[in-house]
Amino acid sequence: MATNFWIGKRVLITGGSGFLGKHLIAKLKEKNPKSIRIADIDKYDLREYKDCLRASRGIDVVIHLAAKVGGIGFNREFPADLFDDNILMGVNMMKAARINKVKKYVALGTICAYPKFTPIPFAEKDLWMGYPEETNAPYGLAKKMQLVQAEAYRQQYGFNAIFLLPVNLYGPGDNFDPKSSHVIPALIMKFVEAKRKNKKEVVVWGTGKPSREFLYVEDAAEGILKAAEKYNKSDPVNLGAGFEITIKELASLIKKLSGFKGSIVWDKTKPDGQPRRKLNVERAYKEFNFRAKTSFEKGLKGTIDWYLANFK
């Protein structure tokens, strides 16, 4: 059933062929907008302002998902690329959307934008309390500039841009490239392949002590669409599931669900990243009635099953 918001709307999704983009587009199609345009790297280089103008011409709603992103190793190896590409895409896309008189702009930030030692649970009011964790600061700060830009554009031009802060996403179709994958797909790959090759142990980066929060990709897509429909303020909004799990607990759970029988070895020479992550998710519920629905173990099992079916 279509909601009134989407009827007659021409929607642009940047990064639409990515992990989150595919799930978001599937849900959006159910709402019957007038049209969906996908801006991906093969047709539009969003680091170039002229391509952003072309992509957003004749569009009513922009959902900006496109990002250069990776795990701790990728962040350490390519900090300048992560800063340059993300800040250029963010600035150019929002500016072009304003020039093209887009009516609603949804910018996706990142949990990496929060300070390294943010009080738990992370509340939106604490976003500017300090510098982000060093390994992902260039990426996190580049994405956070979208919030500054959105607030400035709303103040000066009355431009309706909102800024969402999703926690780490996971689910079927995730990025399983070992060079750039995040922790859940990286661990799934390690444990499944170790089982397939009858290995005795799996080596995992760090100490296992840090905690993380994860949001199932289907829930994230639902939250983004609800925000687009109902939220029209400059204050940033967390999108999360409101729980935390240590990396040690996560590795043990993936080991169990993948059926690996060997041991886990922790490589303490590798960085842990941010010490803890857990979001306060009350603003999303209050403003646009969003709550994550998928239990973590169910979502994790579905992701492992997808990997087993697609990587044989």
Protein backbone atom coordinates (compact mmCIF):
# COMPACT_ATOMS: atom_id res chain seq x y z
CA MET A 1 0.00 0.00 0.00
CA ALA A 2 1.49 3.34 -1.04
CA THR A 3 1.73 6.12 1.49
CA ASN A 4 0.59 9.55 0.31
CA PHE A 5 4.13 10.91 0.61
CA TRP A 6 5.55 8.84 -2.28
CA ILE A 7 2.68 9.21 -4.78
CA GLY A 8 3.86 11.30 -7.74
CA LYS A 9 7.40 11.60 -6.34
CA ARG A 10 10.49 11.28 -8.54
CA VAL A 11 13.20 9.78 -6.33
CA LEU A 12 16.98 9.68 -6.75
CA ILE A 13 18.96 7.03 -4.87
CA THR A 14 22.74 7.50 -4.94
CA GLY A 15 24.70 4.30 -4.42
CA GLY A 16 21.58 2.36 -5.35
CA SER A 17 23.42 -0.75 -6.51
CA GLY A 18 25.25 -1.05 -3.17
CA PHE A 19 24.38 -3.25 -0.21
CA LEU A 20 21.90 -0.89 1.47
CA GLY A 21 20.75 0.60 -1.84
CA LYS A 22 19.40 -2.68 -3.22
CA HIS A 23 17.32 -3.32 -0.09
CA LEU A 24 16.10 0.29 0.02
CA ILE A 25 15.01 0.28 -3.63
CA ALA A 26 13.08 -2.99 -3.17
CA LYS A 27 11.13 -1.44 -0.27
CA LEU A 28 10.65 1.86 -2.10
CA LYS A 29 9.16 0.13 -5.15
CA GLU A 30 6.40 -1.25 -2.91
CA LYS A 31 5.37 2.37 -2.16
CA ASN A 32 4.82 3.17 -5.86
CA PRO A 33 6.66 6.46 -6.39
CA LYS A 34 6.38 8.02 -9.86
CA SER A 35 9.98 7.10 -10.72
CA ILE A 36 13.25 5.89 -9.20
CA ARG A 37 16.59 7.04 -10.63
CA ILE A 38 19.76 5.28 -9.50
CA ALA A 39 23.02 7.26 -9.49
CA ASP A 40 25.91 4.81 -9.53
CA ILE A 41 29.55 5.17 -10.43
CA ASP A 42 29.15 3.68 -13.92
CA LYS A 43 26.90 6.61 -14.98
CA TYR A 44 27.64 9.38 -12.51
CA ASP A 45 30.87 10.36 -10.75
CA LEU A 46 29.36 12.12 -7.74
CA ARG A 47 32.73 13.66 -6.87
CA GLU A 48 32.06 15.86 -9.92
CA TYR A 49 29.53 18.68 -9.40
CA LYS A 50 28.29 18.55 -13.01
CA ASP A 51 27.38 14.86 -12.59
CA CYS A 52 25.49 15.64 -9.38
CA LEU A 53 23.53 18.37 -11.22
CA ARG A 54 22.67 15.90 -13.97
CA ALA A 55 21.66 13.19 -11.50
CA SER A 56 19.33 15.43 -9.44
CA ARG A 57 17.65 17.33 -12.30
CA GLY A 58 13.86 16.86 -12.22
CA ILE A 59 13.97 15.03 -8.88
CA ASP A 60 11.69 15.56 -5.84
CA VAL A 61 13.47 13.42 -3.20
CA VAL A 62 17.18 12.54 -2.94
CA ILE A 63 18.38 9.73 -0.67
CA HIS A 64 22.17 9.99 -0.61
CA LEU A 65 23.62 6.58 0.26
CA ALA A 66 26.74 6.66 -1.93
CA ALA A 67 29.97 6.41 0.06
CA LYS A 68 33.49 5.07 -0.07
CA VAL A 69 33.67 2.82 2.97
CA GLY A 70 35.61 -0.07 4.53
CA GLY A 71 36.75 -1.72 7.73
CA ILE A 72 39.67 -0.82 10.03
CA GLY A 73 42.35 -2.08 7.64
CA PHE A 74 40.90 -0.14 4.69
CA ASN A 75 40.58 2.99 6.84
CA ARG A 76 44.24 2.78 7.86
CA GLU A 77 45.47 2.24 4.29
CA PHE A 78 43.36 4.84 2.44
CA PRO A 79 42.48 7.69 4.86
CA ALA A 80 42.98 10.43 2.24
CA ASP A 81 40.82 8.68 -0.38
CA LEU A 82 38.09 8.15 2.20
CA PHE A 83 38.15 11.82 3.18
CA ASP A 84 38.35 13.24 -0.35
CA ASP A 85 35.75 11.03 -2.00
CA ASN A 86 33.16 11.25 0.77
CA ILE A 87 33.41 14.98 1.34
CA LEU A 88 33.23 15.73 -2.38
CA MET A 89 30.23 13.46 -2.93
CA GLY A 90 28.39 14.92 0.06
CA VAL A 91 29.02 18.60 -0.69
CA ASN A 92 28.41 18.37 -4.44
CA MET A 93 25.30 16.24 -4.21
CA MET A 94 23.52 18.42 -1.65
CA LYS A 95 24.50 21.64 -3.42
CA ALA A 96 23.26 20.29 -6.77
CA ALA A 97 19.99 19.12 -5.17
CA ARG A 98 19.41 22.60 -3.75
CA ILE A 99 20.14 24.27 -7.10
CA ASN A 100 17.72 21.81 -8.78
CA LYS A 101 15.02 22.65 -6.19
CA VAL A 102 14.77 19.15 -4.72
CA LYS A 103 11.99 19.15 -2.09
CA LYS A 104 13.48 16.62 0.37
CA TYR A 105 17.06 15.51 0.88
CA VAL A 106 18.05 12.56 3.08
CA ALA A 107 21.77 12.43 3.93
CA LEU A 108 23.26 9.28 5.46
CA GLY A 109 26.07 9.82 7.93
CA THR A 110 27.97 7.22 9.91
CA ILE A 111 28.41 6.12 13.49
CA CYS A 112 32.15 6.75 12.93
CA ALA A 113 31.33 10.48 13.23
CA TYR A 114 30.90 10.17 17.01
CA PRO A 115 33.81 11.06 19.35
CA LYS A 116 36.11 8.21 20.38
CA PHE A 117 34.95 8.30 24.00
CA THR A 118 31.25 9.10 23.66
CA PRO A 119 29.12 8.27 26.73
CA ILE A 120 27.09 5.07 26.27
CA PRO A 121 24.51 5.01 24.77
CA PHE A 122 25.53 7.49 22.05
CA ALA A 123 23.02 10.36 22.08
CA GLU A 124 22.78 12.81 19.19
CA LYS A 125 23.56 15.74 21.53
CA ASP A 126 27.06 14.27 22.10
CA LEU A 127 28.05 14.24 18.43
CA TRP A 128 30.40 17.23 18.81
CA MET A 129 31.96 16.31 22.19
CA GLY A 130 35.36 15.32 20.77
CA TYR A 131 37.45 13.87 17.95
CA PRO A 132 36.43 10.51 16.40
CA GLU A 133 38.45 7.31 16.82
CA GLU A 134 41.67 7.89 14.87
CA THR A 135 41.48 4.99 12.39
CA ASN A 136 38.15 6.14 10.97
CA ALA A 137 38.25 9.90 11.66
CA PRO A 138 38.84 11.01 8.03
CA TYR A 139 35.80 9.04 6.88
CA GLY A 140 33.65 9.95 9.89
CA LEU A 141 34.37 13.69 9.70
CA ALA A 142 33.87 13.84 5.92
CA LYS A 143 30.41 12.31 6.35
CA LYS A 144 29.62 14.54 9.35
CA MET A 145 30.11 17.65 7.20
CA GLN A 146 26.79 16.74 5.56
CA LEU A 147 25.12 17.65 8.87
CA VAL A 148 26.83 21.05 8.91
CA GLN A 149 25.87 21.62 5.27
CA ALA A 150 22.26 20.53 5.88
CA GLU A 151 21.89 22.88 8.85
CA ALA A 152 23.46 25.79 6.91
CA TYR A 153 21.23 25.20 3.87
CA ARG A 154 18.11 24.99 6.02
CA GLN A 155 19.03 28.24 7.80
CA GLN A 156 19.93 30.24 4.67
CA TYR A 157 17.74 28.70 1.97
CA GLY A 158 14.98 26.81 3.81
CA PHE A 159 16.27 23.62 2.16
CA ASN A 160 14.67 20.51 3.66
CA ALA A 161 17.69 18.26 4.31
CA ILE A 162 17.81 15.71 7.13
CA PHE A 163 20.79 13.77 8.50
CA LEU A 164 20.62 10.16 9.71
CA LEU A 165 23.33 8.27 11.62
CA PRO A 166 23.02 4.53 10.95
CA VAL A 167 25.01 2.11 13.06
CA ASN A 168 26.97 -0.75 11.39
CA LEU A 169 24.69 -2.56 8.94
CA TYR A 170 24.69 -6.27 8.12
CA GLY A 171 22.55 -8.76 6.24
CA PRO A 172 22.20 -10.73 2.97
CA GLY A 173 24.12 -9.11 0.13
CA ASP A 174 26.73 -7.53 2.42
CA ASN A 175 30.23 -6.69 1.14
CA PHE A 176 32.37 -9.82 1.50
CA ASP A 177 35.49 -8.40 -0.18
CA PRO A 178 38.30 -9.21 2.31
CA LYS A 179 40.05 -5.89 1.54
CA SER A 180 37.13 -3.64 2.50
CA SER A 181 34.51 -5.67 4.40
CA HIS A 182 33.25 -4.75 7.87
CA VAL A 183 33.48 -6.98 10.91
CA ILE A 184 30.41 -9.25 10.43
CA PRO A 185 31.03 -10.26 6.80
CA ALA A 186 34.78 -10.53 7.51
CA LEU A 187 34.15 -12.93 10.42
CA ILE A 188 31.51 -14.95 8.55
CA MET A 189 33.97 -15.42 5.69
CA LYS A 190 36.78 -16.46 8.06
CA PHE A 191 34.72 -19.02 9.99
CA VAL A 192 32.90 -20.52 7.00
CA GLU A 193 36.11 -20.86 4.96
CA ALA A 194 37.99 -22.29 7.97
CA LYS A 195 35.26 -24.91 8.35
CA ARG A 196 35.35 -25.73 4.65
CA LYS A 197 39.14 -26.19 4.75
CA ASN A 198 39.15 -28.06 8.10
CA LYS A 199 41.39 -25.47 9.73
CA LYS A 200 42.18 -25.75 13.42
CA GLU A 201 41.94 -22.05 14.24
CA VAL A 202 40.67 -18.66 13.10
CA VAL A 203 42.70 -15.50 13.74
CA VAL A 204 40.68 -12.40 14.65
CA TRP A 205 42.03 -8.85 14.90
CA GLY A 206 42.38 -7.09 18.27
CA THR A 207 41.55 -8.15 21.80
CA GLY A 208 37.84 -8.86 21.37
CA LYS A 209 37.00 -6.39 24.14
CA PRO A 210 35.37 -3.55 22.13
CA SER A 211 31.62 -3.59 21.71
CA ARG A 212 29.56 -2.86 18.62
CA GLU A 213 25.92 -2.44 17.69
CA PHE A 214 24.50 -3.79 14.44
CA LEU A 215 21.35 -2.99 12.46
CA TYR A 216 19.84 -5.47 10.00
CA VAL A 217 19.83 -3.94 6.52
CA GLU A 218 16.07 -4.45 6.00
CA ASP A 219 15.38 -2.54 9.22
CA ALA A 220 17.75 0.24 8.13
CA ALA A 221 15.93 0.62 4.80
CA GLU A 222 12.60 0.85 6.64
CA GLY A 223 13.99 3.52 8.99
CA ILE A 224 15.34 5.64 6.13
CA LEU A 225 12.03 5.59 4.26
CA LYS A 226 10.09 6.47 7.42
CA ALA A 227 12.44 9.40 8.04
CA ALA A 228 12.00 10.60 4.46
CA GLU A 229 8.22 10.49 4.88
CA LYS A 230 7.87 12.04 8.34
CA TYR A 231 11.00 13.86 9.56
CA ASN A 232 11.67 17.51 8.65
CA LYS A 233 14.13 18.89 11.23
CA SER A 234 17.82 19.78 11.20
CA ASP A 235 18.69 17.71 14.31
CA PRO A 236 20.61 14.50 13.49
CA VAL A 237 18.90 11.16 14.20
CA ASN A 238 20.47 7.83 15.17
CA LEU A 239 19.30 4.69 13.37
CA GLY A 240 20.14 1.58 15.36
CA ALA A 241 18.89 -1.46 17.21
CA GLY A 242 19.73 -0.21 20.72
CA PHE A 243 21.98 -3.09 21.89
CA GLU A 244 25.71 -3.82 22.09
CA ILE A 245 27.76 -6.99 21.76
CA THR A 246 31.50 -7.41 22.28
CA ILE A 247 33.62 -8.55 19.35
CA LYS A 248 34.54 -11.62 21.43
CA GLU A 249 30.84 -12.50 21.87
CA LEU A 250 30.21 -11.80 18.18
CA ALA A 251 33.04 -14.08 17.06
CA SER A 252 31.77 -16.86 19.35
CA LEU A 253 28.22 -16.50 17.98
CA ILE A 254 29.36 -16.59 14.34
CA LYS A 255 31.58 -19.58 15.16
CA LYS A 256 28.55 -21.39 16.60
CA LEU A 257 26.16 -20.48 13.76
CA SER A 258 28.70 -21.39 11.06
CA GLY A 259 29.48 -24.75 12.69
CA PHE A 260 33.24 -24.17 13.02
CA LYS A 261 34.73 -26.46 15.68
CA GLY A 262 38.27 -25.06 16.00
CA SER A 263 39.64 -22.32 18.24
CA ILE A 264 39.73 -18.52 18.02
CA VAL A 265 43.14 -16.79 18.24
CA TRP A 266 43.22 -13.06 18.98
CA ASP A 267 45.89 -11.01 17.16
CA LYS A 268 46.48 -8.30 19.77
CA THR A 269 49.01 -6.50 17.54
CA LYS A 270 46.06 -5.30 15.43
CA PRO A 271 43.92 -2.27 16.47
CA ASP A 272 40.60 -2.59 18.26
CA GLY A 273 39.01 0.57 16.87
CA GLN A 274 36.49 2.52 18.94
CA PRO A 275 36.13 1.05 22.48
CA ARG A 276 32.32 0.86 22.64
CA ARG A 277 29.34 1.54 20.43
CA LYS A 278 25.71 1.56 21.43
CA LEU A 279 23.15 4.09 20.28
CA ASN A 280 20.35 5.90 22.02
CA VAL A 281 17.55 5.25 19.52
CA GLU A 282 14.72 7.15 21.23
CA ARG A 283 14.70 10.14 18.86
CA ALA A 284 13.97 7.93 15.82
CA TYR A 285 11.05 6.33 17.66
CA LYS A 286 9.68 9.65 18.88
CA GLU A 287 10.03 11.50 15.55
CA PHE A 288 9.05 8.86 12.99
CA ASN A 289 8.07 5.74 14.92
CA PHE A 290 11.08 3.63 13.97
CA ARG A 291 12.11 0.55 15.94
CA ALA A 292 14.36 -2.25 14.65
CA LYS A 293 12.40 -5.50 14.36
CA THR A 294 14.91 -8.23 13.46
CA SER A 295 16.54 -10.19 16.29
CA PHE A 296 20.33 -10.26 16.00
CA GLU A 297 20.72 -14.04 15.93
CA LYS A 298 18.01 -14.41 13.28
CA GLY A 299 19.59 -11.69 11.12
CA LEU A 300 23.05 -13.22 11.54
CA LYS A 301 21.83 -16.68 10.57
CA GLY A 302 20.17 -15.24 7.47
CA THR A 303 23.42 -13.52 6.51
CA ILE A 304 25.46 -16.71 6.97
CA ASP A 305 22.90 -18.68 4.92
CA TRP A 306 23.16 -16.09 2.13
CA TYR A 307 26.96 -16.35 2.14
CA LEU A 308 26.82 -20.15 2.00
CA ALA A 309 24.43 -20.01 -0.97
CA ASN A 310 26.39 -17.38 -2.90
CA PHE A 311 30.04 -18.20 -2.17
CA LYS A 312 30.58 -21.90 -2.80
